[in-house]
């Protein structure tokens, strides 16, 4: 099934994707028989709190697929879809979710955070320190990093268009003022990883000396 990126992580490391009832119906249509999805009937994006856990599982009986919804000490309901048009299936899902007091949307568990072992974390830090950097920051997850550094990290491309490094805003502004970094829009007939690139190969080492590295203590496992 196509990977779905989470909207946020809960305190216990569950990656939650908020879905409308219709999005939920379309999502589970792509499940394979025997596949399950954990979800929450109540989800709050602002507080990142989820409650009323449920599970949905796709099964098959005598060649006819169907879904089981419920569990977690709650009543199990059957969702049938064989031979039904998409609109009717979405209505059936809506009614089933509504019976668990879900309101307009649910929170699907699409990923989980796995904490790196001390040995794994030490190895990653040592590798980046060996490669060289001006800043090395450690965050729990990409989401936590984005909240702390939103708009203050700039990806810079090499002259061949490939990713070179990340820069912290003060260094980016300084290098741009000195002409070491240019807007890629000014370079015709080239595709770049980012909106900014080094002006020429002679400044590559200078730019890399301001390299910013971010390491996460947890890695995201897509479910």
N, C-alpha and C. Protein backbone atom coordinates (compact mmCIF):
# COMPACT_ATOMS: atom_id res chain seq x y z
N UNK A 1 0.85 -1.20 0.00
CA UNK A 1 0.00 0.00 0.00
C UNK A 1 0.89 1.25 0.00
N UNK A 2 0.45 2.30 -0.64
CA UNK A 2 1.21 3.54 -0.74
C UNK A 2 1.49 4.12 0.65
N UNK A 3 2.75 4.55 0.85
CA UNK A 3 3.13 5.13 2.13
C UNK A 3 2.41 6.46 2.35
N UNK A 4 2.00 6.68 3.59
CA UNK A 4 1.31 7.91 3.96
C UNK A 4 2.09 8.61 5.06
N UNK A 5 2.40 9.87 4.87
CA UNK A 5 3.19 10.62 5.84
C UNK A 5 2.31 11.12 6.98
N UNK A 6 2.83 11.04 8.18
CA UNK A 6 2.09 11.46 9.37
C UNK A 6 1.97 12.98 9.43
N UNK A 7 0.90 13.44 10.12
CA UNK A 7 0.72 14.87 10.38
C UNK A 7 1.44 15.28 11.66
N UNK A 8 1.53 14.36 12.62
CA UNK A 8 2.24 14.64 13.86
C UNK A 8 2.51 13.33 14.59
N UNK A 9 3.38 13.42 15.60
CA UNK A 9 3.68 12.28 16.45
C UNK A 9 3.05 12.51 17.83
N UNK A 10 2.52 11.45 18.40
CA UNK A 10 2.01 11.53 19.76
C UNK A 10 3.17 11.42 20.74
N UNK A 11 2.89 11.63 22.02
CA UNK A 11 3.93 11.56 23.05
C UNK A 11 4.56 10.17 23.12
N UNK A 12 3.80 9.13 22.75
CA UNK A 12 4.35 7.78 22.81
C UNK A 12 4.93 7.32 21.48
N UNK A 13 5.10 8.27 20.54
CA UNK A 13 5.82 7.96 19.30
C UNK A 13 5.00 7.41 18.16
N UNK A 14 3.68 7.53 18.22
CA UNK A 14 2.85 7.08 17.11
C UNK A 14 2.70 8.21 16.09
N UNK A 15 2.94 7.90 14.82
CA UNK A 15 2.77 8.88 13.76
C UNK A 15 1.32 8.89 13.30
N UNK A 16 0.63 10.00 13.48
CA UNK A 16 -0.80 10.09 13.21
C UNK A 16 -1.07 10.87 11.92
N UNK A 17 -1.86 10.27 11.05
CA UNK A 17 -2.35 10.95 9.85
C UNK A 17 -3.84 11.19 10.02
N UNK A 18 -4.24 12.46 10.03
CA UNK A 18 -5.65 12.78 10.17
C UNK A 18 -6.34 12.57 8.82
N UNK A 19 -7.41 11.78 8.83
CA UNK A 19 -8.16 11.48 7.61
C UNK A 19 -9.64 11.79 7.81
N UNK A 20 -10.25 12.34 6.78
CA UNK A 20 -11.70 12.46 6.79
C UNK A 20 -12.27 11.05 6.62
N UNK A 21 -13.56 10.90 6.84
CA UNK A 21 -14.17 9.58 6.67
C UNK A 21 -13.98 9.08 5.24
N UNK A 22 -14.11 9.98 4.26
CA UNK A 22 -13.95 9.59 2.86
C UNK A 22 -12.51 9.18 2.57
N UNK A 23 -11.54 9.90 3.13
CA UNK A 23 -10.13 9.54 2.95
C UNK A 23 -9.82 8.20 3.59
N UNK A 24 -10.43 7.95 4.76
CA UNK A 24 -10.26 6.66 5.42
C UNK A 24 -10.79 5.54 4.54
N UNK A 25 -11.97 5.73 3.96
CA UNK A 25 -12.56 4.70 3.09
C UNK A 25 -11.66 4.42 1.89
N UNK A 26 -11.13 5.47 1.26
CA UNK A 26 -10.24 5.27 0.10
C UNK A 26 -8.95 4.60 0.51
N UNK A 27 -8.48 4.93 1.72
CA UNK A 27 -7.21 4.37 2.20
C UNK A 27 -7.33 2.86 2.41
N UNK A 28 -8.39 2.42 3.08
CA UNK A 28 -8.48 0.99 3.40
C UNK A 28 -8.83 0.15 2.17
N UNK A 29 -9.35 0.79 1.12
CA UNK A 29 -9.62 0.04 -0.11
C UNK A 29 -8.35 -0.56 -0.69
N UNK A 30 -7.20 0.05 -0.39
CA UNK A 30 -5.92 -0.42 -0.93
C UNK A 30 -5.25 -1.45 -0.03
N UNK A 31 -5.88 -1.79 1.08
CA UNK A 31 -5.30 -2.78 1.99
C UNK A 31 -5.38 -4.17 1.37
N UNK A 32 -4.41 -5.02 1.73
CA UNK A 32 -4.42 -6.41 1.32
C UNK A 32 -5.15 -7.23 2.38
N UNK A 33 -5.69 -8.38 1.99
CA UNK A 33 -6.34 -9.26 2.95
C UNK A 33 -5.33 -9.70 4.01
N UNK A 34 -5.74 -9.60 5.27
CA UNK A 34 -4.85 -9.92 6.37
C UNK A 34 -4.13 -8.70 6.92
N UNK A 35 -4.25 -7.57 6.24
CA UNK A 35 -3.58 -6.34 6.67
C UNK A 35 -4.47 -5.58 7.66
N UNK A 36 -3.83 -4.96 8.66
CA UNK A 36 -4.55 -4.21 9.68
C UNK A 36 -4.08 -2.77 9.74
N UNK A 37 -4.92 -1.91 10.28
CA UNK A 37 -4.58 -0.51 10.50
C UNK A 37 -5.10 -0.10 11.86
N UNK A 38 -4.22 0.48 12.68
CA UNK A 38 -4.63 1.02 13.97
C UNK A 38 -5.08 2.46 13.78
N UNK A 39 -6.08 2.88 14.53
CA UNK A 39 -6.57 4.25 14.40
C UNK A 39 -7.22 4.71 15.70
N UNK A 40 -7.53 6.00 15.74
CA UNK A 40 -8.22 6.60 16.89
C UNK A 40 -9.47 7.30 16.38
N UNK A 41 -10.59 7.07 17.08
CA UNK A 41 -11.85 7.70 16.68
C UNK A 41 -11.85 9.19 17.00
N UNK A 42 -11.09 9.58 18.02
CA UNK A 42 -11.03 10.99 18.42
C UNK A 42 -9.58 11.47 18.33
N UNK A 43 -9.37 12.57 17.61
CA UNK A 43 -8.01 13.08 17.43
C UNK A 43 -8.05 14.61 17.47
N UNK A 44 -7.05 15.20 18.13
CA UNK A 44 -6.95 16.65 18.24
C UNK A 44 -5.58 17.09 17.73
N UNK A 45 -5.58 17.76 16.58
CA UNK A 45 -4.30 18.17 15.98
C UNK A 45 -3.55 19.16 16.86
N UNK A 46 -4.27 20.07 17.51
CA UNK A 46 -3.61 21.11 18.31
C UNK A 46 -2.91 20.54 19.55
N UNK A 47 -3.63 19.69 20.28
CA UNK A 47 -3.05 19.11 21.50
C UNK A 47 -2.30 17.82 21.24
N UNK A 48 -2.47 17.26 20.03
CA UNK A 48 -1.85 15.99 19.64
C UNK A 48 -2.27 14.85 20.57
N UNK A 49 -3.49 14.94 21.00
CA UNK A 49 -4.05 13.90 21.85
C UNK A 49 -5.01 13.04 21.04
N UNK A 50 -4.96 11.74 21.27
CA UNK A 50 -5.83 10.79 20.58
C UNK A 50 -6.50 9.89 21.61
N UNK A 51 -7.74 9.51 21.33
CA UNK A 51 -8.45 8.63 22.25
C UNK A 51 -9.39 7.72 21.46
N UNK A 52 -9.97 6.75 22.16
CA UNK A 52 -10.84 5.75 21.58
C UNK A 52 -10.14 4.97 20.47
N UNK A 53 -9.14 4.15 20.83
CA UNK A 53 -8.43 3.35 19.82
C UNK A 53 -9.32 2.31 19.17
N UNK A 54 -9.09 2.09 17.87
CA UNK A 54 -9.79 1.09 17.09
C UNK A 54 -8.80 0.38 16.18
N UNK A 55 -9.23 -0.73 15.63
CA UNK A 55 -8.46 -1.42 14.60
C UNK A 55 -9.39 -1.76 13.45
N UNK A 56 -8.85 -1.70 12.24
CA UNK A 56 -9.60 -2.19 11.08
C UNK A 56 -8.72 -3.23 10.40
N UNK A 57 -9.33 -4.33 10.03
CA UNK A 57 -8.59 -5.43 9.41
C UNK A 57 -9.37 -5.96 8.21
N UNK A 58 -8.67 -6.17 7.11
CA UNK A 58 -9.30 -6.72 5.92
C UNK A 58 -9.20 -8.23 5.94
N UNK A 59 -10.32 -8.88 5.77
CA UNK A 59 -10.39 -10.34 5.78
C UNK A 59 -11.08 -10.83 4.51
N UNK A 60 -11.13 -12.14 4.37
CA UNK A 60 -11.78 -12.73 3.20
C UNK A 60 -12.44 -14.04 3.62
N UNK A 61 -13.66 -14.24 3.17
CA UNK A 61 -14.38 -15.47 3.46
C UNK A 61 -15.00 -16.00 2.19
N UNK A 62 -14.58 -17.21 1.80
CA UNK A 62 -15.08 -17.84 0.57
C UNK A 62 -14.94 -16.91 -0.65
N UNK A 63 -13.80 -16.23 -0.70
CA UNK A 63 -13.51 -15.37 -1.84
C UNK A 63 -14.11 -13.98 -1.77
N UNK A 64 -14.84 -13.67 -0.69
CA UNK A 64 -15.44 -12.35 -0.55
C UNK A 64 -14.70 -11.54 0.51
N UNK A 65 -14.06 -10.44 0.12
CA UNK A 65 -13.34 -9.61 1.11
C UNK A 65 -14.30 -8.73 1.90
N UNK A 66 -13.93 -8.45 3.14
CA UNK A 66 -14.71 -7.55 3.99
C UNK A 66 -13.78 -7.00 5.06
N UNK A 67 -14.28 -6.05 5.84
CA UNK A 67 -13.47 -5.42 6.89
C UNK A 67 -14.10 -5.65 8.26
N UNK A 68 -13.25 -5.78 9.25
CA UNK A 68 -13.67 -5.81 10.65
C UNK A 68 -13.16 -4.55 11.32
N UNK A 69 -14.04 -3.81 11.96
CA UNK A 69 -13.69 -2.55 12.62
C UNK A 69 -14.08 -2.61 14.08
N UNK A 70 -13.17 -2.24 14.95
CA UNK A 70 -13.48 -2.22 16.39
C UNK A 70 -12.30 -2.69 17.20
N UNK A 71 -12.57 -3.64 18.12
CA UNK A 71 -11.51 -4.13 18.99
C UNK A 71 -11.19 -3.15 20.10
N UNK A 72 -10.10 -3.40 20.81
CA UNK A 72 -9.70 -2.57 21.95
C UNK A 72 -10.85 -2.45 22.95
N UNK A 73 -11.48 -3.59 23.23
CA UNK A 73 -12.60 -3.68 24.18
C UNK A 73 -13.87 -2.98 23.68
N UNK A 74 -13.94 -2.75 22.37
CA UNK A 74 -15.14 -2.14 21.81
C UNK A 74 -15.79 -3.12 20.82
N UNK A 75 -17.07 -2.92 20.57
CA UNK A 75 -17.81 -3.80 19.68
C UNK A 75 -17.17 -3.85 18.30
N UNK A 76 -17.16 -5.03 17.71
CA UNK A 76 -16.60 -5.22 16.37
C UNK A 76 -17.73 -5.15 15.34
N UNK A 77 -17.54 -4.32 14.34
CA UNK A 77 -18.53 -4.18 13.28
C UNK A 77 -17.94 -4.65 11.96
N UNK A 78 -18.80 -5.12 11.09
CA UNK A 78 -18.38 -5.59 9.77
C UNK A 78 -18.70 -4.54 8.72
N UNK A 79 -17.74 -4.29 7.84
CA UNK A 79 -17.94 -3.37 6.72
C UNK A 79 -17.82 -4.20 5.44
N UNK A 80 -18.90 -4.30 4.71
CA UNK A 80 -18.91 -5.03 3.45
C UNK A 80 -18.82 -4.05 2.29
N UNK A 81 -18.12 -4.47 1.24
CA UNK A 81 -18.00 -3.58 0.09
C UNK A 81 -18.08 -4.29 -1.24
N UNK A 82 -18.14 -5.62 -1.22
CA UNK A 82 -18.18 -6.37 -2.48
C UNK A 82 -19.39 -5.96 -3.32
N UNK A 83 -19.12 -5.53 -4.55
CA UNK A 83 -20.20 -5.17 -5.47
C UNK A 83 -20.83 -3.82 -5.21
N UNK A 84 -20.30 -3.07 -4.25
CA UNK A 84 -20.90 -1.77 -3.94
C UNK A 84 -20.15 -0.64 -4.65
N UNK A 85 -20.85 0.39 -5.10
CA UNK A 85 -20.16 1.55 -5.69
C UNK A 85 -19.36 2.28 -4.60
N UNK A 86 -18.38 3.07 -5.05
CA UNK A 86 -17.49 3.75 -4.11
C UNK A 86 -18.26 4.64 -3.15
N UNK A 87 -19.25 5.35 -3.65
CA UNK A 87 -20.00 6.28 -2.80
C UNK A 87 -20.73 5.53 -1.68
N UNK A 88 -21.28 4.37 -2.01
CA UNK A 88 -21.99 3.59 -0.99
C UNK A 88 -21.02 3.05 0.04
N UNK A 89 -19.83 2.63 -0.42
CA UNK A 89 -18.82 2.13 0.52
C UNK A 89 -18.39 3.24 1.48
N UNK A 90 -18.20 4.46 0.97
CA UNK A 90 -17.81 5.58 1.82
C UNK A 90 -18.90 5.88 2.85
N UNK A 91 -20.16 5.76 2.43
CA UNK A 91 -21.27 5.98 3.37
C UNK A 91 -21.27 4.91 4.46
N UNK A 92 -20.99 3.68 4.08
CA UNK A 92 -20.94 2.58 5.04
C UNK A 92 -19.83 2.80 6.06
N UNK A 93 -18.66 3.25 5.58
CA UNK A 93 -17.55 3.55 6.49
C UNK A 93 -17.93 4.70 7.42
N UNK A 94 -18.59 5.71 6.87
CA UNK A 94 -19.02 6.87 7.66
C UNK A 94 -19.93 6.42 8.80
N UNK A 95 -20.89 5.57 8.48
CA UNK A 95 -21.83 5.11 9.50
C UNK A 95 -21.12 4.27 10.56
N UNK A 96 -20.17 3.44 10.13
CA UNK A 96 -19.44 2.60 11.08
C UNK A 96 -18.60 3.44 12.03
N UNK A 97 -17.89 4.42 11.49
CA UNK A 97 -17.05 5.28 12.33
C UNK A 97 -17.91 6.15 13.25
N UNK A 98 -19.01 6.60 12.74
CA UNK A 98 -19.92 7.44 13.52
C UNK A 98 -20.43 6.69 14.75
N UNK A 99 -20.55 5.38 14.66
CA UNK A 99 -21.04 4.59 15.79
C UNK A 99 -20.05 4.55 16.94
N UNK A 100 -18.79 4.92 16.66
CA UNK A 100 -17.77 5.00 17.71
C UNK A 100 -17.54 6.45 18.15
N UNK A 101 -18.47 7.31 17.80
CA UNK A 101 -18.44 8.73 18.18
C UNK A 101 -17.33 9.51 17.48
N UNK A 102 -16.85 9.00 16.36
CA UNK A 102 -15.89 9.78 15.57
C UNK A 102 -16.64 10.94 14.93
N UNK A 103 -15.97 12.10 14.84
CA UNK A 103 -16.61 13.29 14.30
C UNK A 103 -15.80 13.81 13.10
N UNK A 104 -16.29 13.55 11.91
CA UNK A 104 -15.74 14.07 10.65
C UNK A 104 -14.39 13.50 10.26
N UNK A 105 -13.55 13.14 11.21
CA UNK A 105 -12.23 12.63 10.88
C UNK A 105 -11.74 11.64 11.94
N UNK A 106 -10.72 10.88 11.56
CA UNK A 106 -10.09 9.93 12.49
C UNK A 106 -8.56 10.12 12.42
N UNK A 107 -7.85 9.53 13.34
CA UNK A 107 -6.40 9.57 13.32
C UNK A 107 -5.85 8.19 13.05
N UNK A 108 -5.28 7.97 11.87
CA UNK A 108 -4.71 6.67 11.52
C UNK A 108 -3.25 6.62 11.93
N UNK A 109 -2.84 5.50 12.50
CA UNK A 109 -1.44 5.30 12.91
C UNK A 109 -0.68 4.79 11.69
N UNK A 110 0.11 5.66 11.06
CA UNK A 110 0.80 5.31 9.82
C UNK A 110 2.30 5.10 10.00
N UNK A 111 2.82 5.44 11.20
CA UNK A 111 4.25 5.26 11.44
C UNK A 111 4.50 5.24 12.95
N UNK A 112 5.71 4.86 13.31
CA UNK A 112 6.12 4.87 14.71
C UNK A 112 7.57 5.34 14.80
N UNK A 113 7.90 5.95 15.92
CA UNK A 113 9.28 6.35 16.16
C UNK A 113 10.03 5.24 16.89
N UNK A 114 11.21 4.92 16.39
CA UNK A 114 12.07 3.95 17.07
C UNK A 114 13.28 4.67 17.63
N UNK A 115 13.50 4.54 18.91
CA UNK A 115 14.62 5.22 19.54
C UNK A 115 15.93 4.51 19.19
N UNK A 116 16.90 5.28 18.76
CA UNK A 116 18.22 4.71 18.47
C UNK A 116 18.88 4.25 19.76
N UNK A 117 19.64 3.20 19.66
CA UNK A 117 20.40 2.75 20.81
C UNK A 117 21.55 3.73 21.05
N UNK A 118 22.12 3.77 22.25
CA UNK A 118 23.26 4.66 22.49
C UNK A 118 24.40 4.43 21.51
N UNK A 119 24.60 3.16 21.13
CA UNK A 119 25.67 2.84 20.19
C UNK A 119 25.37 3.41 18.80
N UNK A 120 24.11 3.30 18.36
CA UNK A 120 23.74 3.83 17.05
C UNK A 120 23.87 5.35 17.02
N UNK A 121 23.42 6.00 18.09
CA UNK A 121 23.49 7.46 18.15
C UNK A 121 24.94 7.93 18.17
N UNK A 122 25.77 7.27 18.95
CA UNK A 122 27.19 7.64 19.03
C UNK A 122 27.86 7.47 17.66
N UNK A 123 27.53 6.38 16.95
CA UNK A 123 28.13 6.14 15.64
C UNK A 123 27.76 7.24 14.65
N UNK A 124 26.50 7.65 14.64
CA UNK A 124 26.06 8.69 13.71
C UNK A 124 26.72 10.03 14.01
N UNK A 125 26.82 10.36 15.29
CA UNK A 125 27.46 11.61 15.67
C UNK A 125 28.94 11.58 15.28
N UNK A 126 29.61 10.46 15.55
CA UNK A 126 31.03 10.33 15.24
C UNK A 126 31.28 10.46 13.74
N UNK A 127 30.39 9.87 12.93
CA UNK A 127 30.56 9.95 11.47
C UNK A 127 30.43 11.38 10.97
N UNK A 128 29.47 12.12 11.52
CA UNK A 128 29.28 13.50 11.08
C UNK A 128 30.41 14.40 11.57
N UNK A 129 30.88 14.16 12.77
CA UNK A 129 32.01 14.93 13.29
C UNK A 129 33.26 14.68 12.45
N UNK A 130 33.44 13.45 12.01
CA UNK A 130 34.60 13.12 11.18
C UNK A 130 34.50 13.81 9.82
N UNK A 131 33.27 13.89 9.28
CA UNK A 131 33.07 14.54 7.99
C UNK A 131 33.28 16.05 8.09
N UNK A 132 33.06 16.59 9.29
CA UNK A 132 33.26 18.02 9.51
C UNK A 132 31.98 18.83 9.43
N UNK A 133 31.78 19.69 10.39
CA UNK A 133 30.60 20.55 10.39
C UNK A 133 30.81 21.70 11.38
N UNK A 134 30.08 22.76 11.19
CA UNK A 134 30.14 23.90 12.10
C UNK A 134 29.14 23.75 13.23
N UNK A 135 27.96 23.21 12.90
CA UNK A 135 26.91 22.98 13.89
C UNK A 135 26.48 21.51 13.82
N UNK A 136 26.22 20.93 14.97
CA UNK A 136 25.63 19.59 15.04
C UNK A 136 24.54 19.64 16.09
N UNK A 137 23.30 19.57 15.63
CA UNK A 137 22.15 19.66 16.52
C UNK A 137 21.44 18.32 16.59
N UNK A 138 20.92 17.99 17.77
CA UNK A 138 20.25 16.70 17.98
C UNK A 138 18.80 16.96 18.39
N UNK A 139 17.89 16.33 17.66
CA UNK A 139 16.46 16.43 17.96
C UNK A 139 15.85 15.04 18.00
N UNK A 140 14.68 14.97 18.62
CA UNK A 140 13.97 13.69 18.72
C UNK A 140 13.48 13.23 17.35
N UNK A 141 12.94 14.14 16.56
CA UNK A 141 12.37 13.79 15.27
C UNK A 141 12.42 15.00 14.33
N UNK A 142 12.12 14.75 13.07
CA UNK A 142 12.09 15.83 12.08
C UNK A 142 11.03 16.86 12.45
N UNK A 143 9.92 16.39 12.99
CA UNK A 143 8.84 17.29 13.39
C UNK A 143 9.31 18.24 14.49
N UNK A 144 10.04 17.73 15.47
CA UNK A 144 10.55 18.56 16.56
C UNK A 144 11.56 19.57 16.04
N UNK A 145 12.40 19.11 15.10
CA UNK A 145 13.39 20.01 14.51
C UNK A 145 12.72 21.15 13.75
N UNK A 146 11.69 20.80 12.95
CA UNK A 146 11.00 21.82 12.15
C UNK A 146 10.35 22.87 13.04
N UNK A 147 9.83 22.44 14.18
CA UNK A 147 9.20 23.39 15.10
C UNK A 147 10.23 24.35 15.70
N UNK A 148 11.45 23.86 15.90
CA UNK A 148 12.49 24.68 16.52
C UNK A 148 13.23 25.56 15.51
N UNK A 149 13.38 25.08 14.28
CA UNK A 149 14.22 25.78 13.30
C UNK A 149 13.47 26.18 12.04
N UNK A 150 12.18 26.27 12.09
CA UNK A 150 11.38 26.56 10.92
C UNK A 150 11.87 27.82 10.20
N UNK A 151 12.21 27.65 8.92
CA UNK A 151 12.64 28.78 8.10
C UNK A 151 14.07 29.23 8.32
N UNK A 152 14.83 28.52 9.14
CA UNK A 152 16.20 28.95 9.42
C UNK A 152 17.26 27.96 8.94
N UNK A 153 16.84 27.00 8.13
CA UNK A 153 17.77 26.05 7.52
C UNK A 153 17.65 26.17 6.01
N UNK A 154 18.79 26.23 5.34
CA UNK A 154 18.81 26.39 3.89
C UNK A 154 19.61 25.25 3.26
N UNK A 155 18.98 24.52 2.37
CA UNK A 155 19.68 23.48 1.62
C UNK A 155 20.41 24.12 0.45
N UNK A 156 21.64 23.71 0.26
CA UNK A 156 22.47 24.28 -0.81
C UNK A 156 22.91 23.15 -1.75
N UNK A 157 22.86 23.44 -3.04
CA UNK A 157 23.25 22.46 -4.05
C UNK A 157 24.68 22.70 -4.51
N UNK A 158 25.27 21.63 -5.05
CA UNK A 158 26.60 21.73 -5.65
C UNK A 158 26.45 22.23 -7.08
N UNK A 159 27.56 22.43 -7.77
CA UNK A 159 27.50 22.94 -9.14
C UNK A 159 26.88 21.95 -10.11
N UNK A 160 26.83 20.66 -9.74
CA UNK A 160 26.21 19.67 -10.61
C UNK A 160 24.72 19.51 -10.34
N UNK A 161 24.19 20.31 -9.40
CA UNK A 161 22.77 20.26 -9.10
C UNK A 161 22.41 19.36 -7.94
N UNK A 162 23.35 18.52 -7.49
CA UNK A 162 23.06 17.60 -6.40
C UNK A 162 23.19 18.29 -5.04
N UNK A 163 22.54 17.71 -4.05
CA UNK A 163 22.59 18.26 -2.69
C UNK A 163 24.03 18.32 -2.19
N UNK A 164 24.39 19.47 -1.58
CA UNK A 164 25.72 19.63 -1.01
C UNK A 164 25.67 19.61 0.51
N UNK A 165 24.89 20.52 1.10
CA UNK A 165 24.82 20.58 2.55
C UNK A 165 23.69 21.51 2.98
N UNK A 166 23.46 21.55 4.28
CA UNK A 166 22.52 22.50 4.88
C UNK A 166 23.30 23.59 5.57
N UNK A 167 22.74 24.80 5.59
CA UNK A 167 23.36 25.93 6.26
C UNK A 167 22.39 26.57 7.24
N UNK A 168 22.92 27.05 8.35
CA UNK A 168 22.12 27.79 9.31
C UNK A 168 21.96 29.21 8.76
N UNK A 169 20.84 29.85 9.04
CA UNK A 169 20.49 31.12 8.43
C UNK A 169 21.59 32.19 8.49
N UNK A 170 22.24 32.43 9.65
CA UNK A 170 23.28 33.46 9.68
C UNK A 170 24.41 33.19 8.69
N UNK A 171 24.82 31.92 8.56
CA UNK A 171 25.89 31.59 7.63
C UNK A 171 25.42 31.70 6.19
N UNK A 172 24.20 31.28 5.95
CA UNK A 172 23.63 31.40 4.61
C UNK A 172 23.61 32.87 4.16
N UNK A 173 23.16 33.78 5.04
CA UNK A 173 23.09 35.19 4.70
C UNK A 173 24.48 35.76 4.44
N UNK A 174 25.44 35.35 5.25
CA UNK A 174 26.82 35.83 5.08
C UNK A 174 27.40 35.36 3.74
N UNK A 175 27.22 34.08 3.42
CA UNK A 175 27.78 33.53 2.18
C UNK A 175 27.06 34.09 0.95
N UNK A 176 25.78 34.36 1.11
CA UNK A 176 25.05 34.96 -0.01
C UNK A 176 25.54 36.38 -0.27
N UNK A 177 25.76 37.13 0.79
CA UNK A 177 26.24 38.51 0.64
C UNK A 177 27.62 38.55 -0.01
N UNK A 178 28.41 37.53 0.24
CA UNK A 178 29.76 37.48 -0.34
C UNK A 178 29.77 36.91 -1.75
N UNK A 179 28.60 36.49 -2.22
CA UNK A 179 28.51 35.96 -3.58
C UNK A 179 28.92 34.52 -3.73
N UNK A 180 29.08 33.81 -2.61
CA UNK A 180 29.49 32.40 -2.68
C UNK A 180 28.31 31.48 -2.95
N UNK A 181 27.11 31.98 -2.70
CA UNK A 181 25.88 31.23 -2.95
C UNK A 181 25.00 32.05 -3.87
N UNK A 182 24.43 31.41 -4.88
CA UNK A 182 23.59 32.13 -5.84
C UNK A 182 22.23 31.45 -5.95
N UNK A 183 21.26 32.23 -6.41
CA UNK A 183 19.92 31.73 -6.65
C UNK A 183 19.95 30.84 -7.89
N UNK A 184 19.47 29.61 -7.77
CA UNK A 184 19.53 28.68 -8.91
C UNK A 184 18.65 29.12 -10.07
N UNK A 185 17.70 30.02 -9.80
CA UNK A 185 16.85 30.53 -10.89
C UNK A 185 17.67 31.31 -11.90
N UNK A 186 18.86 31.78 -11.47
CA UNK A 186 19.72 32.56 -12.36
C UNK A 186 20.61 31.68 -13.23
N UNK A 187 20.50 30.34 -13.02
CA UNK A 187 21.34 29.41 -13.80
C UNK A 187 20.43 28.64 -14.75
N UNK A 188 20.45 28.95 -16.04
CA UNK A 188 19.55 28.30 -17.00
C UNK A 188 19.97 26.87 -17.32
N UNK A 189 19.00 26.07 -17.77
CA UNK A 189 19.24 24.72 -18.29
C UNK A 189 19.90 23.79 -17.28
N UNK A 190 19.59 23.96 -16.01
CA UNK A 190 20.13 23.08 -14.97
C UNK A 190 19.02 22.78 -13.96
N UNK A 191 19.02 21.56 -13.44
CA UNK A 191 18.09 21.20 -12.39
C UNK A 191 18.85 21.06 -11.08
N UNK A 192 18.36 21.70 -10.04
CA UNK A 192 19.06 21.71 -8.76
C UNK A 192 18.19 21.09 -7.66
N UNK A 193 18.87 20.56 -6.67
CA UNK A 193 18.19 19.97 -5.51
C UNK A 193 17.45 21.04 -4.72
N UNK A 194 17.98 22.25 -4.71
CA UNK A 194 17.41 23.31 -3.87
C UNK A 194 17.41 24.63 -4.63
N UNK A 195 16.92 25.68 -3.97
CA UNK A 195 16.82 27.00 -4.60
C UNK A 195 18.15 27.75 -4.60
N UNK A 196 19.13 27.22 -3.86
CA UNK A 196 20.42 27.90 -3.77
C UNK A 196 21.55 26.93 -4.07
N UNK A 197 22.60 27.45 -4.70
CA UNK A 197 23.76 26.62 -5.07
C UNK A 197 25.03 27.42 -4.90
N UNK A 198 26.16 26.70 -4.77
CA UNK A 198 27.44 27.41 -4.68
C UNK A 198 27.73 28.07 -6.03
N UNK A 199 28.38 29.21 -5.98
CA UNK A 199 28.63 29.99 -7.20
C UNK A 199 29.58 29.29 -8.16
N UNK A 200 30.57 28.60 -7.62
CA UNK A 200 31.55 27.89 -8.43
C UNK A 200 32.31 26.90 -7.54
N UNK A 201 33.02 25.94 -8.14
CA UNK A 201 33.71 24.91 -7.35
C UNK A 201 34.75 25.45 -6.36
N UNK A 202 35.29 26.64 -6.62
CA UNK A 202 36.37 27.16 -5.75
C UNK A 202 35.88 27.52 -4.35
N UNK A 203 34.57 27.72 -4.19
CA UNK A 203 34.04 28.10 -2.87
C UNK A 203 33.41 26.91 -2.14
N UNK A 204 33.52 25.71 -2.73
CA UNK A 204 32.88 24.54 -2.14
C UNK A 204 33.37 24.29 -0.72
N UNK A 205 34.67 24.27 -0.50
CA UNK A 205 35.20 24.00 0.83
C UNK A 205 34.82 25.10 1.82
N UNK A 206 34.78 26.33 1.36
CA UNK A 206 34.38 27.44 2.23
C UNK A 206 32.94 27.26 2.71
N UNK A 207 32.06 26.88 1.79
CA UNK A 207 30.66 26.66 2.15
C UNK A 207 30.54 25.46 3.08
N UNK A 208 31.26 24.39 2.78
CA UNK A 208 31.19 23.18 3.61
C UNK A 208 31.71 23.42 5.03
N UNK A 209 32.59 24.41 5.18
CA UNK A 209 33.10 24.70 6.53
C UNK A 209 32.00 25.26 7.43
N UNK A 210 30.90 25.70 6.84
CA UNK A 210 29.75 26.20 7.62
C UNK A 210 28.62 25.18 7.66
N UNK A 211 28.90 23.96 7.27
CA UNK A 211 27.89 22.90 7.18
C UNK A 211 27.16 22.70 8.50
N UNK A 212 25.84 22.53 8.38
CA UNK A 212 25.00 22.27 9.55
C UNK A 212 24.47 20.84 9.46
N UNK A 213 24.58 20.10 10.56
CA UNK A 213 24.14 18.71 10.59
C UNK A 213 23.07 18.54 11.67
N UNK A 214 22.04 17.81 11.33
CA UNK A 214 20.98 17.51 12.28
C UNK A 214 20.86 16.00 12.42
N UNK A 215 20.89 15.52 13.64
CA UNK A 215 20.77 14.09 13.93
C UNK A 215 19.53 13.88 14.78
N UNK A 216 18.82 12.81 14.49
CA UNK A 216 17.60 12.49 15.23
C UNK A 216 17.84 11.30 16.14
N UNK A 217 17.33 11.42 17.37
CA UNK A 217 17.48 10.32 18.33
C UNK A 217 16.51 9.19 18.04
N UNK A 218 15.49 9.48 17.22
CA UNK A 218 14.50 8.46 16.84
C UNK A 218 14.39 8.44 15.32
N UNK A 219 14.20 7.25 14.77
CA UNK A 219 13.96 7.15 13.34
C UNK A 219 12.51 6.74 13.10
N UNK A 220 11.97 7.19 11.98
CA UNK A 220 10.58 6.93 11.66
C UNK A 220 10.43 5.60 10.93
N UNK A 221 9.60 4.73 11.48
CA UNK A 221 9.31 3.43 10.85
C UNK A 221 7.92 3.52 10.24
N UNK A 222 7.85 3.44 8.92
CA UNK A 222 6.56 3.50 8.23
C UNK A 222 5.85 2.16 8.35
N UNK A 223 4.59 2.19 8.71
CA UNK A 223 3.82 0.96 8.90
C UNK A 223 3.10 0.55 7.61
